[in-house]
Amino acid sequence: MGETAVEFLDDPLLDLGMAAVGLAQDGVGLLSHERLEALLCGYEKKRPLAVADRAALPLEIEHAALIIGFHRYYRHNVRFPNPERATYHLDMVTFAGSVPDRVRGLVR
């Protein structure tokens, strides 16, 4: 039997974006340049990013934040309405808005 290629259903760059959302926030909920740099340094020890992937990463971080924001909105406003968390999703909108200015120097 010949070898078969493994196809990934998930986008590794989106997964890295999700990791950035979870691990690279500062104390006020914005993207931390330093934490993102540390995450990328560790990630690239195992799997170096291509120039094109590094350039696309900011958009994938924003994408990840907005996916989480949508989930929070749906959960706390539609599925399980909770007035105390009704605006919880806006944290991700703020985070996503911080990405373009805080990735400078990390994309080539």
Protein backbone atom coordinates (compact mmCIF):
# COMPACT_ATOMS: atom_id res chain seq x y z
CA MET A 1 0.00 0.00 0.00
CA GLY A 2 1.19 3.48 -0.85
CA GLU A 3 1.38 6.43 1.49
CA THR A 4 -1.58 8.73 1.80
CA ALA A 5 -1.48 12.40 2.59
CA VAL A 6 -3.10 13.51 5.81
CA GLU A 7 -5.57 16.28 5.20
CA PHE A 8 -6.47 18.64 7.99
CA LEU A 9 -10.03 19.84 8.34
CA ASP A 10 -8.98 22.57 10.73
CA ASP A 11 -6.86 25.50 9.71
CA PRO A 12 -3.64 25.47 11.76
CA LEU A 13 -3.40 29.24 11.40
CA LEU A 14 -6.88 29.68 12.88
CA ASP A 15 -5.84 27.36 15.72
CA LEU A 16 -2.82 29.59 16.32
CA GLY A 17 -5.16 32.59 16.26
CA MET A 18 -7.34 30.91 18.90
CA ALA A 19 -4.25 30.27 21.01
CA ALA A 20 -3.32 33.96 20.70
CA VAL A 21 -6.78 35.00 21.88
CA GLY A 22 -6.51 32.72 24.90
CA LEU A 23 -2.86 33.21 25.80
CA ALA A 24 -1.77 36.58 24.47
CA GLN A 25 -4.08 39.06 26.17
CA ASP A 26 -2.79 41.75 28.47
CA GLY A 27 -4.42 42.76 31.75
CA VAL A 28 -7.04 44.95 30.06
CA GLY A 29 -8.09 42.50 27.34
CA LEU A 30 -5.97 43.74 24.45
CA LEU A 31 -3.46 41.75 22.43
CA SER A 32 -0.11 41.71 24.20
CA HIS A 33 2.77 42.09 21.75
CA GLU A 34 5.15 40.44 24.21
CA ARG A 35 2.91 37.44 24.90
CA LEU A 36 2.21 36.95 21.20
CA GLU A 37 5.93 37.08 20.50
CA ALA A 38 6.55 34.39 23.14
CA LEU A 39 3.73 32.22 21.73
CA LEU A 40 5.15 32.49 18.21
CA CYS A 41 8.67 31.77 19.42
CA GLY A 42 7.52 28.54 21.06
CA TYR A 43 5.28 27.58 18.14
CA GLU A 44 8.02 28.09 15.60
CA LYS A 45 10.40 25.81 17.48
CA LYS A 46 8.15 22.97 16.34
CA ARG A 47 6.66 24.37 13.13
CA PRO A 48 8.16 27.45 11.48
CA LEU A 49 5.61 29.73 9.84
CA ALA A 50 5.94 30.53 6.16
CA VAL A 51 6.16 34.22 5.30
CA ALA A 52 2.63 34.11 3.86
CA ASP A 53 1.28 32.45 7.02
CA ARG A 54 2.95 35.03 9.24
CA ALA A 55 1.46 37.80 7.11
CA ALA A 56 -2.01 36.22 7.38
CA LEU A 57 -1.80 35.65 11.14
CA PRO A 58 -3.23 39.02 12.26
CA LEU A 59 -6.40 38.37 10.26
CA GLU A 60 -6.67 34.87 11.75
CA ILE A 61 -6.29 36.28 15.28
CA GLU A 62 -9.11 38.72 14.54
CA HIS A 63 -11.15 35.89 13.01
CA ALA A 64 -10.66 33.76 16.13
CA ALA A 65 -11.67 36.63 18.43
CA LEU A 66 -14.84 37.27 16.44
CA ILE A 67 -15.77 33.57 16.43
CA ILE A 68 -15.49 33.60 20.23
CA GLY A 69 -17.40 36.89 20.36
CA PHE A 70 -20.24 35.41 18.33
CA HIS A 71 -20.32 32.34 20.57
CA ARG A 72 -20.51 34.54 23.67
CA TYR A 73 -23.26 36.69 22.17
CA TYR A 74 -25.33 33.67 21.15
CA ARG A 75 -24.82 31.89 24.45
CA HIS A 76 -25.60 34.83 26.74
CA ASN A 77 -28.26 36.59 24.66
CA VAL A 78 -30.07 33.85 22.73
CA ARG A 79 -29.56 30.35 24.06
CA PHE A 80 -29.18 31.04 27.79
CA PRO A 81 -30.08 34.72 28.26
CA ASN A 82 -28.09 36.22 31.08
CA PRO A 83 -28.34 39.98 31.57
CA GLU A 84 -25.12 39.98 33.60
CA ARG A 85 -23.21 38.63 30.59
CA ALA A 86 -25.25 40.18 27.78
CA THR A 87 -22.34 42.37 26.67
CA TYR A 88 -19.57 39.84 27.39
CA HIS A 89 -19.05 39.40 23.65
CA LEU A 90 -17.89 42.99 23.29
CA ASP A 91 -14.60 42.08 24.99
CA MET A 92 -13.69 40.11 21.87
CA VAL A 93 -14.62 43.01 19.60
CA THR A 94 -12.26 45.23 21.62
CA PHE A 95 -9.55 42.58 21.50
CA ALA A 96 -9.92 42.16 17.72
CA GLY A 97 -9.65 45.93 17.31
CA SER A 98 -6.32 45.92 19.13
CA VAL A 99 -4.69 43.40 16.81
CA PRO A 100 -3.52 45.56 13.87
CA ASP A 101 -1.48 47.97 16.01
CA ARG A 102 -0.04 45.31 18.29
CA VAL A 103 1.31 42.84 15.74
CA ARG A 104 3.78 45.31 14.24
CA GLY A 105 7.23 43.82 13.96
CA LEU A 106 5.91 40.27 14.28
CA VAL A 107 4.78 39.96 10.68
CA ARG A 108 7.33 40.06 7.91
